[in-house]
Amino acid sequence: MGESEIRNLQQYNAILAVPGKVLVFPELCHVCGGCILTCPRKAISEVKNRIGVIKEGFADDLRIVFGELEVGEPMAAPLIRELKKRLDGSSNAILDAPPGAKLPLIETVKGSDFASL
């Protein structure tokens, strides 16, 4: 892993090392796995944390899949990634992105063929 890749992994500041102490800010975690890849002592492991739920249903022949983020949970991107895994690719899908121009929008449109703003 190159220096620029490590710098990109540290951009969210979810882990801060100060002399004699390491501070962890779970609300800043983007579930990218960068901390696990860069920890020289392999002292970091991931734990599952419920940030929301994915619900599925039908309206006539239309399959609807949507995510509900837990109240107060700041990171929507992991929920969006999990929701997109449930798309089978055999038919067209319409993804409604959250407002803004930050990570949740980027995560929603990543891999899309078309976008309508």
PDB file of N, CA and C in Angstrom:
ATOM      1  N   MET A   1       0.855  -1.174   0.000  1.00  0.00           N
ATOM      2  CA  MET A   1       0.000   0.000   0.000  1.00  0.00           C
ATOM      3  C   MET A   1       0.896   1.229   0.000  1.00  0.00           C
ATOM      4  N   GLY A   2       0.648   2.147  -0.920  1.00  0.00           N
ATOM      5  CA  GLY A   2       1.466   3.339  -1.048  1.00  0.00           C
ATOM      6  C   GLY A   2       1.119   4.408  -0.028  1.00  0.00           C
ATOM      7  N   GLU A   3       2.014   5.383   0.095  1.00  0.00           N
ATOM      8  CA  GLU A   3       1.820   6.459   1.069  1.00  0.00           C
ATOM      9  C   GLU A   3       0.551   7.260   0.793  1.00  0.00           C
ATOM     10  N   SER A   4       0.258   7.527  -0.495  1.00  0.00           N
ATOM     11  CA  SER A   4      -0.950   8.298  -0.807  1.00  0.00           C
ATOM     12  C   SER A   4      -2.208   7.520  -0.451  1.00  0.00           C
ATOM     13  N   GLU A   5      -2.191   6.178  -0.600  1.00  0.00           N
ATOM     14  CA  GLU A   5      -3.349   5.367  -0.228  1.00  0.00           C
ATOM     15  C   GLU A   5      -3.562   5.399   1.287  1.00  0.00           C
ATOM     16  N   ILE A   6      -2.475   5.336   2.056  1.00  0.00           N
ATOM     17  CA  ILE A   6      -2.594   5.401   3.507  1.00  0.00           C
ATOM     18  C   ILE A   6      -3.130   6.762   3.923  1.00  0.00           C
ATOM     19  N   ARG A   7      -2.664   7.826   3.283  1.00  0.00           N
ATOM     20  CA  ARG A   7      -3.150   9.164   3.607  1.00  0.00           C
ATOM     21  C   ARG A   7      -4.657   9.254   3.351  1.00  0.00           C
ATOM     22  N   ASN A   8      -5.134   8.641   2.249  1.00  0.00           N
ATOM     23  CA  ASN A   8      -6.566   8.647   1.950  1.00  0.00           C
ATOM     24  C   ASN A   8      -7.356   7.895   3.013  1.00  0.00           C
ATOM     25  N   LEU A   9      -6.802   6.798   3.542  1.00  0.00           N
ATOM     26  CA  LEU A   9      -7.489   6.016   4.562  1.00  0.00           C
ATOM     27  C   LEU A   9      -7.618   6.790   5.868  1.00  0.00           C
ATOM     28  N   GLN A  10      -6.694   7.691   6.141  1.00  0.00           N
ATOM     29  CA  GLN A  10      -6.702   8.434   7.386  1.00  0.00           C
ATOM     30  C   GLN A  10      -7.544   9.706   7.311  1.00  0.00           C
ATOM     31  N   GLN A  11      -8.149   9.990   6.188  1.00  0.00           N
ATOM     32  CA  GLN A  11      -8.809  11.273   6.010  1.00  0.00           C
ATOM     33  C   GLN A  11     -10.038  11.481   6.888  1.00  0.00           C
ATOM     34  N   TYR A  12     -10.637  10.421   7.402  1.00  0.00           N
ATOM     35  CA  TYR A  12     -11.857  10.586   8.195  1.00  0.00           C
ATOM     36  C   TYR A  12     -11.571  10.783   9.680  1.00  0.00           C
ATOM     37  N   ASN A  13     -10.335  10.586  10.112  1.00  0.00           N
ATOM     38  CA  ASN A  13      -9.917  10.821  11.499  1.00  0.00           C
ATOM     39  C   ASN A  13     -10.716  10.024  12.517  1.00  0.00           C
ATOM     40  N   ALA A  14     -11.097   8.798  12.180  1.00  0.00           N
ATOM     41  CA  ALA A  14     -11.828   7.958  13.120  1.00  0.00           C
ATOM     42  C   ALA A  14     -10.915   7.431  14.225  1.00  0.00           C
ATOM     43  N   ILE A  15      -9.609   7.390  13.961  1.00  0.00           N
ATOM     44  CA  ILE A  15      -8.636   6.963  14.961  1.00  0.00           C
ATOM     45  C   ILE A  15      -7.572   8.051  15.057  1.00  0.00           C
ATOM     46  N   LEU A  16      -7.289   8.450  16.284  1.00  0.00           N
ATOM     47  CA  LEU A  16      -6.297   9.498  16.510  1.00  0.00           C
ATOM     48  C   LEU A  16      -5.289   8.992  17.532  1.00  0.00           C
ATOM     49  N   ALA A  17      -4.023   8.930  17.139  1.00  0.00           N
ATOM     50  CA  ALA A  17      -2.965   8.505  18.044  1.00  0.00           C
ATOM     51  C   ALA A  17      -2.260   9.740  18.584  1.00  0.00           C
ATOM     52  N   VAL A  18      -2.285   9.885  19.906  1.00  0.00           N
ATOM     53  CA  VAL A  18      -1.572  10.958  20.585  1.00  0.00           C
ATOM     54  C   VAL A  18      -0.588  10.286  21.543  1.00  0.00           C
ATOM     55  N   PRO A  19       0.432  10.993  21.992  1.00  0.00           N
ATOM     56  CA  PRO A  19       1.412  10.356  22.884  1.00  0.00           C
ATOM     57  C   PRO A  19       0.747   9.667  24.075  1.00  0.00           C
ATOM     58  N   GLY A  20       0.979   8.366  24.181  1.00  0.00           N
ATOM     59  CA  GLY A  20       0.462   7.588  25.300  1.00  0.00           C
ATOM     60  C   GLY A  20      -0.984   7.146  25.202  1.00  0.00           C
ATOM     61  N   LYS A  21      -1.669   7.484  24.119  1.00  0.00           N
ATOM     62  CA  LYS A  21      -3.090   7.142  24.045  1.00  0.00           C
ATOM     63  C   LYS A  21      -3.554   7.068  22.588  1.00  0.00           C
ATOM     64  N   VAL A  22      -4.513   6.202  22.350  1.00  0.00           N
ATOM     65  CA  VAL A  22      -5.167   6.122  21.046  1.00  0.00           C
ATOM     66  C   VAL A  22      -6.652   6.404  21.272  1.00  0.00           C
ATOM     67  N   LEU A  23      -7.178   7.373  20.548  1.00  0.00           N
ATOM     68  CA  LEU A  23      -8.588   7.735  20.674  1.00  0.00           C
ATOM     69  C   LEU A  23      -9.344   7.201  19.456  1.00  0.00           C
ATOM     70  N   VAL A  24     -10.496   6.618  19.701  1.00  0.00           N
ATOM     71  CA  VAL A  24     -11.326   6.056  18.638  1.00  0.00           C
ATOM     72  C   VAL A  24     -12.646   6.815  18.611  1.00  0.00           C
ATOM     73  N   PHE A  25     -13.035   7.244  17.413  1.00  0.00           N
ATOM     74  CA  PHE A  25     -14.294   7.959  17.217  1.00  0.00           C
ATOM     75  C   PHE A  25     -15.171   7.123  16.272  1.00  0.00           C
ATOM     76  N   PRO A  26     -15.948   6.162  16.808  1.00  0.00           N
ATOM     77  CA  PRO A  26     -16.717   5.255  15.956  1.00  0.00           C
ATOM     78  C   PRO A  26     -17.698   5.964  15.038  1.00  0.00           C
ATOM     79  N   GLU A  27     -18.208   7.132  15.450  1.00  0.00           N
ATOM     80  CA  GLU A  27     -19.171   7.843  14.610  1.00  0.00           C
ATOM     81  C   GLU A  27     -18.530   8.387  13.334  1.00  0.00           C
ATOM     82  N   LEU A  28     -17.199   8.426  13.263  1.00  0.00           N
ATOM     83  CA  LEU A  28     -16.504   8.884  12.056  1.00  0.00           C
ATOM     84  C   LEU A  28     -16.073   7.725  11.151  1.00  0.00           C
ATOM     85  N   CYS A  29     -16.279   6.504  11.616  1.00  0.00           N
ATOM     86  CA  CYS A  29     -15.859   5.324  10.851  1.00  0.00           C
ATOM     87  C   CYS A  29     -16.683   5.196   9.575  1.00  0.00           C
ATOM     88  N   HIS A  30     -15.990   4.959   8.454  1.00  0.00           N
ATOM     89  CA  HIS A  30     -16.650   4.771   7.165  1.00  0.00           C
ATOM     90  C   HIS A  30     -16.639   3.311   6.722  1.00  0.00           C
ATOM     91  N   VAL A  31     -16.243   2.410   7.605  1.00  0.00           N
ATOM     92  CA  VAL A  31     -16.219   0.971   7.350  1.00  0.00           C
ATOM     93  C   VAL A  31     -15.431   0.655   6.080  1.00  0.00           C
ATOM     94  N   CYS A  32     -14.312   1.329   5.907  1.00  0.00           N
ATOM     95  CA  CYS A  32     -13.489   1.101   4.721  1.00  0.00           C
ATOM     96  C   CYS A  32     -12.446   0.014   4.945  1.00  0.00           C
ATOM     97  N   GLY A  33     -12.173  -0.341   6.209  1.00  0.00           N
ATOM     98  CA  GLY A  33     -11.176  -1.360   6.511  1.00  0.00           C
ATOM     99  C   GLY A  33      -9.750  -0.845   6.489  1.00  0.00           C
ATOM    100  N   GLY A  34      -9.564   0.444   6.260  1.00  0.00           N
ATOM    101  CA  GLY A  34      -8.226   1.020   6.171  1.00  0.00           C
ATOM    102  C   GLY A  34      -7.424   0.887   7.436  1.00  0.00           C
ATOM    103  N   CYS A  35      -8.076   1.021   8.583  1.00  0.00           N
ATOM    104  CA  CYS A  35      -7.355   0.926   9.857  1.00  0.00           C
ATOM    105  C   CYS A  35      -6.790  -0.475  10.050  1.00  0.00           C
ATOM    106  N   ILE A  36      -7.528  -1.483   9.629  1.00  0.00           N
ATOM    107  CA  ILE A  36      -7.065  -2.867   9.759  1.00  0.00           C
ATOM    108  C   ILE A  36      -5.876  -3.108   8.843  1.00  0.00           C
ATOM    109  N   LEU A  37      -5.928  -2.556   7.628  1.00  0.00           N
ATOM    110  CA  LEU A  37      -4.834  -2.733   6.676  1.00  0.00           C
ATOM    111  C   LEU A  37      -3.557  -2.029   7.105  1.00  0.00           C
ATOM    112  N   THR A  38      -3.674  -0.904   7.785  1.00  0.00           N
ATOM    113  CA  THR A  38      -2.492  -0.105   8.095  1.00  0.00           C
ATOM    114  C   THR A  38      -1.957  -0.297   9.505  1.00  0.00           C
ATOM    115  N   CYS A  39      -2.664  -1.005  10.370  1.00  0.00           N
ATOM    116  CA  CYS A  39      -2.191  -1.194  11.742  1.00  0.00           C
ATOM    117  C   CYS A  39      -0.970  -2.115  11.736  1.00  0.00           C
ATOM    118  N   PRO A  40       0.197  -1.617  12.164  1.00  0.00           N
ATOM    119  CA  PRO A  40       1.410  -2.436  12.091  1.00  0.00           C
ATOM    120  C   PRO A  40       1.397  -3.629  13.046  1.00  0.00           C
ATOM    121  N   ARG A  41       0.600  -3.573  14.115  1.00  0.00           N
ATOM    122  CA  ARG A  41       0.564  -4.669  15.096  1.00  0.00           C
ATOM    123  C   ARG A  41      -0.675  -5.559  14.954  1.00  0.00           C
ATOM    124  N   LYS A  42      -1.488  -5.268  13.950  1.00  0.00           N
ATOM    125  CA  LYS A  42      -2.720  -6.046  13.727  1.00  0.00           C
ATOM    126  C   LYS A  42      -3.579  -6.094  14.993  1.00  0.00           C
ATOM    127  N   ALA A  43      -3.664  -4.957  15.681  1.00  0.00           N
ATOM    128  CA  ALA A  43      -4.392  -4.871  16.944  1.00  0.00           C
ATOM    129  C   ALA A  43      -5.836  -4.417  16.762  1.00  0.00           C
ATOM    130  N   ILE A  44      -6.255  -4.194  15.526  1.00  0.00           N
ATOM    131  CA  ILE A  44      -7.601  -3.679  15.266  1.00  0.00           C
ATOM    132  C   ILE A  44      -8.436  -4.759  14.603  1.00  0.00           C
ATOM    133  N   SER A  45      -9.661  -4.906  15.064  1.00  0.00           N
ATOM    134  CA  SER A  45     -10.587  -5.835  14.416  1.00  0.00           C
ATOM    135  C   SER A  45     -11.927  -5.131  14.264  1.00  0.00           C
ATOM    136  N   GLU A  46     -12.724  -5.626  13.346  1.00  0.00           N
ATOM    137  CA  GLU A  46     -14.043  -5.035  13.119  1.00  0.00           C
ATOM    138  C   GLU A  46     -15.083  -5.745  13.961  1.00  0.00           C
ATOM    139  N   VAL A  47     -16.085  -4.996  14.358  1.00  0.00           N
ATOM    140  CA  VAL A  47     -17.242  -5.566  15.041  1.00  0.00           C
ATOM    141  C   VAL A  47     -18.488  -5.098  14.300  1.00  0.00           C
ATOM    142  N   LYS A  48     -19.497  -5.925  14.320  1.00  0.00           N
ATOM    143  CA  LYS A  48     -20.749  -5.535  13.678  1.00  0.00           C
ATOM    144  C   LYS A  48     -21.468  -4.516  14.549  1.00  0.00           C
ATOM    145  N   ASN A  49     -22.055  -3.535  13.881  1.00  0.00           N
ATOM    146  CA  ASN A  49     -22.779  -2.478  14.567  1.00  0.00           C
ATOM    147  C   ASN A  49     -24.012  -2.159  13.736  1.00  0.00           C
ATOM    148  N   ARG A  50     -25.173  -2.273  14.317  1.00  0.00           N
ATOM    149  CA  ARG A  50     -26.407  -2.004  13.578  1.00  0.00           C
ATOM    150  C   ARG A  50     -26.551  -0.496  13.369  1.00  0.00           C
ATOM    151  N   ILE A  51     -26.555  -0.087  12.107  1.00  0.00           N
ATOM    152  CA  ILE A  51     -26.725   1.330  11.788  1.00  0.00           C
ATOM    153  C   ILE A  51     -28.077   1.599  11.134  1.00  0.00           C
ATOM    154  N   GLY A  52     -28.779   0.533  10.796  1.00  0.00           N
ATOM    155  CA  GLY A  52     -30.075   0.683  10.157  1.00  0.00           C
ATOM    156  C   GLY A  52     -30.614  -0.669   9.742  1.00  0.00           C
ATOM    157  N   VAL A  53     -31.718  -0.638   9.015  1.00  0.00           N
ATOM    158  CA  VAL A  53     -32.333  -1.865   8.521  1.00  0.00           C
ATOM    159  C   VAL A  53     -32.652  -1.704   7.041  1.00  0.00           C
ATOM    160  N   ILE A  54     -32.667  -2.833   6.352  1.00  0.00           N
ATOM    161  CA  ILE A  54     -33.070  -2.853   4.952  1.00  0.00           C
ATOM    162  C   ILE A  54     -34.399  -3.590   4.883  1.00  0.00           C
ATOM    163  N   LYS A  55     -35.353  -2.968   4.218  1.00  0.00           N
ATOM    164  CA  LYS A  55     -36.688  -3.550   4.101  1.00  0.00           C
ATOM    165  C   LYS A  55     -36.995  -3.801   2.628  1.00  0.00           C
ATOM    166  N   GLU A  56     -37.751  -4.839   2.378  1.00  0.00           N
ATOM    167  CA  GLU A  56     -38.131  -5.196   1.018  1.00  0.00           C
ATOM    168  C   GLU A  56     -39.634  -5.427   0.962  1.00  0.00           C
ATOM    169  N   GLY A  57     -40.203  -5.141  -0.201  1.00  0.00           N
ATOM    170  CA  GLY A  57     -41.621  -5.376  -0.401  1.00  0.00           C
ATOM    171  C   GLY A  57     -41.969  -5.289  -1.874  1.00  0.00           C
ATOM    172  N   PHE A  58     -43.233  -5.478  -2.171  1.00  0.00           N
ATOM    173  CA  PHE A  58     -43.699  -5.425  -3.555  1.00  0.00           C
ATOM    174  C   PHE A  58     -44.916  -4.513  -3.649  1.00  0.00           C
ATOM    175  N   ALA A  59     -45.031  -3.823  -4.759  1.00  0.00           N
ATOM    176  CA  ALA A  59     -46.217  -3.064  -5.133  1.00  0.00           C
ATOM    177  C   ALA A  59     -46.579  -3.577  -6.525  1.00  0.00           C
ATOM    178  N   ASP A  60     -47.561  -4.441  -6.598  1.00  0.00           N
ATOM    179  CA  ASP A  60     -47.884  -5.178  -7.829  1.00  0.00           C
ATOM    180  C   ASP A  60     -46.642  -5.955  -8.251  1.00  0.00           C
ATOM    181  N   ASP A  61     -46.112  -5.696  -9.455  1.00  0.00           N
ATOM    182  CA  ASP A  61     -44.921  -6.413  -9.933  1.00  0.00           C
ATOM    183  C   ASP A  61     -43.626  -5.667  -9.636  1.00  0.00           C
ATOM    184  N   LEU A  62     -43.704  -4.559  -8.949  1.00  0.00           N
ATOM    185  CA  LEU A  62     -42.540  -3.729  -8.670  1.00  0.00           C
ATOM    186  C   LEU A  62     -41.923  -4.114  -7.325  1.00  0.00           C
ATOM    187  N   ARG A  63     -40.658  -4.515  -7.351  1.00  0.00           N
ATOM    188  CA  ARG A  63     -39.936  -4.839  -6.117  1.00  0.00           C
ATOM    189  C   ARG A  63     -39.356  -3.550  -5.547  1.00  0.00           C
ATOM    190  N   ILE A  64     -39.586  -3.316  -4.270  1.00  0.00           N
ATOM    191  CA  ILE A  64     -39.084  -2.115  -3.605  1.00  0.00           C
ATOM    192  C   ILE A  64     -38.153  -2.549  -2.475  1.00  0.00           C
ATOM    193  N   VAL A  65     -36.951  -1.991  -2.484  1.00  0.00           N
ATOM    194  CA  VAL A  65     -35.963  -2.254  -1.445  1.00  0.00           C
ATOM    195  C   VAL A  65     -35.513  -0.897  -0.924  1.00  0.00           C
ATOM    196  N   PHE A  66     -35.554  -0.704   0.382  1.00  0.00           N
ATOM    197  CA  PHE A  66     -35.117   0.586   0.915  1.00  0.00           C
ATOM    198  C   PHE A  66     -34.458   0.402   2.270  1.00  0.00           C
ATOM    199  N   GLY A  67     -33.626   1.380   2.616  1.00  0.00           N
ATOM    200  CA  GLY A  67     -32.928   1.336   3.886  1.00  0.00           C
ATOM    201  C   GLY A  67     -33.433   2.423   4.807  1.00  0.00           C
ATOM    202  N   GLU A  68     -33.472   2.098   6.093  1.00  0.00           N
ATOM    203  CA  GLU A  68     -33.825   3.076   7.121  1.00  0.00           C
ATOM    204  C   GLU A  68     -32.648   3.180   8.076  1.00  0.00           C
ATOM    205  N   LEU A  69     -32.036   4.346   8.124  1.00  0.00           N
ATOM    206  CA  LEU A  69     -30.912   4.600   8.999  1.00  0.00           C
ATOM    207  C   LEU A  69     -31.417   4.809  10.423  1.00  0.00           C
ATOM    208  N   GLU A  70     -30.709   4.267  11.399  1.00  0.00           N
ATOM    209  CA  GLU A  70     -31.078   4.480  12.805  1.00  0.00           C
ATOM    210  C   GLU A  70     -31.000   5.969  13.126  1.00  0.00           C
ATOM    211  N   VAL A  71     -31.884   6.440  13.997  1.00  0.00           N
ATOM    212  CA  VAL A  71     -31.889   7.841  14.401  1.00  0.00           C
ATOM    213  C   VAL A  71     -30.541   8.173  15.049  1.00  0.00           C
ATOM    214  N   GLY A  72     -29.933   9.262  14.600  1.00  0.00           N
ATOM    215  CA  GLY A  72     -28.653   9.709  15.143  1.00  0.00           C
ATOM    216  C   GLY A  72     -27.439   9.066  14.512  1.00  0.00           C
ATOM    217  N   GLU A  73     -27.626   8.118  13.623  1.00  0.00           N
ATOM    218  CA  GLU A  73     -26.504   7.448  12.966  1.00  0.00           C
ATOM    219  C   GLU A  73     -26.008   8.321  11.819  1.00  0.00           C
ATOM    220  N   PRO A  74     -24.743   8.744  11.849  1.00  0.00           N
ATOM    221  CA  PRO A  74     -24.261   9.684  10.832  1.00  0.00           C
ATOM    222  C   PRO A  74     -23.781   9.050   9.533  1.00  0.00           C
ATOM    223  N   MET A  75     -23.541   7.742   9.501  1.00  0.00           N
ATOM    224  CA  MET A  75     -22.932   7.125   8.322  1.00  0.00           C
ATOM    225  C   MET A  75     -23.943   6.297   7.534  1.00  0.00           C
ATOM    226  N   ALA A  76     -24.411   6.838   6.423  1.00  0.00           N
ATOM    227  CA  ALA A  76     -25.379   6.136   5.581  1.00  0.00           C
ATOM    228  C   ALA A  76     -24.709   5.233   4.559  1.00  0.00           C
ATOM    229  N   ALA A  77     -23.451   5.502   4.197  1.00  0.00           N
ATOM    230  CA  ALA A  77     -22.788   4.770   3.118  1.00  0.00           C
ATOM    231  C   ALA A  77     -22.758   3.257   3.326  1.00  0.00           C
ATOM    232  N   PRO A  78     -22.446   2.734   4.521  1.00  0.00           N
ATOM    233  CA  PRO A  78     -22.460   1.274   4.678  1.00  0.00           C
ATOM    234  C   PRO A  78     -23.848   0.668   4.439  1.00  0.00           C
ATOM    235  N   LEU A  79     -24.892   1.355   4.839  1.00  0.00           N
ATOM    236  CA  LEU A  79     -26.254   0.872   4.607  1.00  0.00           C
ATOM    237  C   LEU A  79     -26.569   0.878   3.113  1.00  0.00           C
ATOM    238  N   ILE A  80     -26.129   1.915   2.416  1.00  0.00           N
ATOM    239  CA  ILE A  80     -26.346   2.005   0.972  1.00  0.00           C
ATOM    240  C   ILE A  80     -25.598   0.883   0.255  1.00  0.00           C
ATOM    241  N   ARG A  81     -24.349   0.612   0.667  1.00  0.00           N
ATOM    242  CA  ARG A  81     -23.568  -0.486   0.062  1.00  0.00           C
ATOM    243  C   ARG A  81     -24.276  -1.818   0.243  1.00  0.00           C
ATOM    244  N   GLU A  82     -24.794  -2.066   1.446  1.00  0.00           N
ATOM    245  CA  GLU A  82     -25.483  -3.333   1.710  1.00  0.00           C
ATOM    246  C   GLU A  82     -26.764  -3.429   0.890  1.00  0.00           C
ATOM    247  N   LEU A  83     -27.491  -2.332   0.770  1.00  0.00           N
ATOM    248  CA  LEU A  83     -28.712  -2.325  -0.028  1.00  0.00           C
ATOM    249  C   LEU A  83     -28.400  -2.645  -1.492  1.00  0.00           C
ATOM    250  N   LYS A  84     -27.328  -2.056  -2.017  1.00  0.00           N
ATOM    251  CA  LYS A  84     -26.979  -2.281  -3.423  1.00  0.00           C
ATOM    252  C   LYS A  84     -26.560  -3.727  -3.680  1.00  0.00           C
ATOM    253  N   LYS A  85     -26.059  -4.431  -2.671  1.00  0.00           N
ATOM    254  CA  LYS A  85     -25.711  -5.851  -2.825  1.00  0.00           C
ATOM    255  C   LYS A  85     -26.951  -6.688  -3.104  1.00  0.00           C
ATOM    256  N   ARG A  86     -28.102  -6.200  -2.675  1.00  0.00           N
ATOM    257  CA  ARG A  86     -29.344  -6.953  -2.855  1.00  0.00           C
ATOM    258  C   ARG A  86     -29.974  -6.763  -4.236  1.00  0.00           C
ATOM    259  N   LEU A  87     -29.402  -5.893  -5.041  1.00  0.00           N
ATOM    260  CA  LEU A  87     -29.881  -5.730  -6.415  1.00  0.00           C
ATOM    261  C   LEU A  87     -29.296  -6.864  -7.244  1.00  0.00           C
ATOM    262  N   ASP A  88     -30.148  -7.569  -7.973  1.00  0.00           N
ATOM    263  CA  ASP A  88     -29.654  -8.747  -8.684  1.00  0.00           C
ATOM    264  C   ASP A  88     -29.075  -8.451 -10.067  1.00  0.00           C
ATOM    265  N   GLY A  89     -29.270  -7.284 -10.587  1.00  0.00           N
ATOM    266  CA  GLY A  89     -28.690  -6.929 -11.883  1.00  0.00           C
ATOM    267  C   GLY A  89     -29.437  -7.467 -13.081  1.00  0.00           C
ATOM    268  N   SER A  90     -30.498  -8.233 -12.857  1.00  0.00           N
ATOM    269  CA  SER A  90     -31.243  -8.800 -13.980  1.00  0.00           C
ATOM    270  C   SER A  90     -32.254  -7.819 -14.562  1.00  0.00           C
ATOM    271  N   SER A  91     -32.498  -6.727 -13.856  1.00  0.00           N
ATOM    272  CA  SER A  91     -33.420  -5.718 -14.367  1.00  0.00           C
ATOM    273  C   SER A  91     -32.926  -4.333 -13.961  1.00  0.00           C
ATOM    274  N   ASN A  92     -33.539  -3.336 -14.530  1.00  0.00           N
ATOM    275  CA  ASN A  92     -33.156  -1.964 -14.201  1.00  0.00           C
ATOM    276  C   ASN A  92     -33.555  -1.644 -12.764  1.00  0.00           C
ATOM    277  N   ALA A  93     -32.772  -0.777 -12.142  1.00  0.00           N
ATOM    278  CA  ALA A  93     -33.061  -0.341 -10.777  1.00  0.00           C
ATOM    279  C   ALA A  93     -33.005   1.177 -10.740  1.00  0.00           C
ATOM    280  N   ILE A  94     -33.900   1.756  -9.984  1.00  0.00           N
ATOM    281  CA  ILE A  94     -33.892   3.200  -9.757  1.00  0.00           C
ATOM    282  C   ILE A  94     -33.476   3.419  -8.312  1.00  0.00           C
ATOM    283  N   LEU A  95     -32.392   4.146  -8.137  1.00  0.00           N
ATOM    284  CA  LEU A  95     -31.869   4.423  -6.796  1.00  0.00           C
ATOM    285  C   LEU A  95     -32.121   5.886  -6.480  1.00  0.00           C
ATOM    286  N   ASP A  96     -32.769   6.136  -5.382  1.00  0.00           N
ATOM    287  CA  ASP A  96     -33.035   7.497  -4.935  1.00  0.00           C
ATOM    288  C   ASP A  96     -31.974   7.848  -3.903  1.00  0.00           C
ATOM    289  N   ALA A  97     -31.130   8.805  -4.240  1.00  0.00           N
ATOM    290  CA  ALA A  97     -30.017   9.169  -3.363  1.00  0.00           C
ATOM    291  C   ALA A  97     -30.442  10.189  -2.322  1.00  0.00           C
ATOM    292  N   PRO A  98     -29.772  10.162  -1.170  1.00  0.00           N
ATOM    293  CA  PRO A  98     -30.039  11.202  -0.185  1.00  0.00           C
ATOM    294  C   PRO A  98     -29.565  12.553  -0.705  1.00  0.00           C
ATOM    295  N   PRO A  99     -30.100  13.641  -0.177  1.00  0.00           N
ATOM    296  CA  PRO A  99     -29.698  14.962  -0.674  1.00  0.00           C
ATOM    297  C   PRO A  99     -28.248  15.279  -0.314  1.00  0.00           C
ATOM    298  N   GLY A 100     -27.661  16.188  -1.069  1.00  0.00           N
ATOM    299  CA  GLY A 100     -26.284  16.615  -0.809  1.00  0.00           C
ATOM    300  C   GLY A 100     -25.340  16.123  -1.884  1.00  0.00           C
ATOM    301  N   ALA A 101     -24.074  16.394  -1.681  1.00  0.00           N
ATOM    302  CA  ALA A 101     -23.057  15.992  -2.655  1.00  0.00           C
ATOM    303  C   ALA A 101     -21.896  15.306  -1.952  1.00  0.00           C
ATOM    304  N   LYS A 102     -22.183  14.595  -0.879  1.00  0.00           N
ATOM    305  CA  LYS A 102     -21.126  13.948  -0.112  1.00  0.00           C
ATOM    306  C   LYS A 102     -21.186  12.439  -0.292  1.00  0.00           C
ATOM    307  N   LEU A 103     -20.549  11.707   0.607  1.00  0.00           N
ATOM    308  CA  LEU A 103     -20.370  10.274   0.481  1.00  0.00           C
ATOM    309  C   LEU A 103     -21.649   9.476   0.219  1.00  0.00           C
ATOM    310  N   PRO A 104     -22.786   9.745   0.887  1.00  0.00           N
ATOM    311  CA  PRO A 104     -23.978   8.944   0.578  1.00  0.00           C
ATOM    312  C   PRO A 104     -24.417   9.053  -0.889  1.00  0.00           C
ATOM    313  N   LEU A 105     -24.353  10.238  -1.459  1.00  0.00           N
ATOM    314  CA  LEU A 105     -24.700  10.391  -2.871  1.00  0.00           C
ATOM    315  C   LEU A 105     -23.702   9.637  -3.743  1.00  0.00           C
ATOM    316  N   ILE A 106     -22.432   9.805  -3.459  1.00  0.00           N
ATOM    317  CA  ILE A 106     -21.388   9.137  -4.245  1.00  0.00           C
ATOM    318  C   ILE A 106     -21.557   7.624  -4.167  1.00  0.00           C
ATOM    319  N   GLU A 107     -21.815   7.104  -2.976  1.00  0.00           N
ATOM    320  CA  GLU A 107     -22.011   5.666  -2.803  1.00  0.00           C
ATOM    321  C   GLU A 107     -23.227   5.178  -3.578  1.00  0.00           C
ATOM    322  N   THR A 108     -24.268   5.977  -3.637  1.00  0.00           N
ATOM    323  CA  THR A 108     -25.489   5.591  -4.350  1.00  0.00           C
ATOM    324  C   THR A 108     -25.257   5.516  -5.845  1.00  0.00           C
ATOM    325  N   VAL A 109     -24.590   6.495  -6.429  1.00  0.00           N
ATOM    326  CA  VAL A 109     -24.438   6.523  -7.886  1.00  0.00           C
ATOM    327  C   VAL A 109     -23.236   5.730  -8.383  1.00  0.00           C
ATOM    328  N   LYS A 110     -22.343   5.293  -7.472  1.00  0.00           N
ATOM    329  CA  LYS A 110     -21.178   4.510  -7.886  1.00  0.00           C
ATOM    330  C   LYS A 110     -21.640   3.236  -8.601  1.00  0.00           C
ATOM    331  N   GLY A 111     -21.086   3.011  -9.783  1.00  0.00           N
ATOM    332  CA  GLY A 111     -21.437   1.828 -10.563  1.00  0.00           C
ATOM    333  C   GLY A 111     -22.694   1.966 -11.404  1.00  0.00           C
ATOM    334  N   SER A 112     -23.317   3.118 -11.371  1.00  0.00           N
ATOM    335  CA  SER A 112     -24.544   3.340 -12.159  1.00  0.00           C
ATOM    336  C   SER A 112     -24.211   3.627 -13.605  1.00  0.00           C
ATOM    337  N   ASP A 113     -25.128   3.310 -14.478  1.00  0.00           N
ATOM    338  CA  ASP A 113     -24.967   3.613 -15.901  1.00  0.00           C
ATOM    339  C   ASP A 113     -25.453   5.011 -16.229  1.00  0.00           C
ATOM    340  N   PHE A 114     -26.465   5.494 -15.497  1.00  0.00           N
ATOM    341  CA  PHE A 114     -27.054   6.803 -15.761  1.00  0.00           C
ATOM    342  C   PHE A 114     -27.410   7.468 -14.444  1.00  0.00           C
ATOM    343  N   ALA A 115     -27.434   8.797 -14.478  1.00  0.00           N
ATOM    344  CA  ALA A 115     -27.883   9.555 -13.309  1.00  0.00           C
ATOM    345  C   ALA A 115     -28.743  10.715 -13.787  1.00  0.00           C
ATOM    346  N   SER A 116     -29.798  10.972 -13.061  1.00  0.00           N
ATOM    347  CA  SER A 116     -30.677  12.081 -13.361  1.00  0.00           C
ATOM    348  C   SER A 116     -30.715  12.981 -12.135  1.00  0.00           C
ATOM    349  N   LEU A 117     -30.391  14.246 -12.355  1.00  0.00           N
ATOM    350  CA  LEU A 117     -30.364  15.174 -11.216  1.00  0.00           C
ATOM    351  C   LEU A 117     -31.547  16.112 -11.283  1.00  0.00           C
TER     352      LEU A 117
END
